[in-house]
Amino acid sequence: MTTERVFMTDAVEYDAVGPIMRSGDIADAVIDAVAEDNPGRDVYVTDRGDYLHIHTLMDCRLTRASLERNLGRSYDLSMLEIEMPSFAGRMQTSDKEYRWYLKS
């Protein structure tokens, strides 16, 4: 896991947005990919046992390219929803990128 700019936290901030993932290899790759896709933003991870809240403040991007790079294999981004039972914020999706954000 990337350690720079990734912080474990006990609480989720009000303006935090991002995926809530089932714990496991996919979630670990998402953490690193989110850190890669959001330069200049801190990434917060709240461990809830079986689930991980992975979030940044106000806006969070995840690209298929960075997820595949961190997984070490190809991955259909739409399959992420199987591992993501919920999310914080609003979500936009495409076959190349997911974005969570707060509407201003």
Foldseek 3Di string as FASTA:
>chain_A
DDDPLEEEDADDDPQKWDFKFFDDQLVVLQLQQQPVVDPPWRWYWYDPDRIIAITTGFKTKGFQVSSCVSSVHHDQVVCRCVGTVDIPADWDDDRTMIMHGHDD
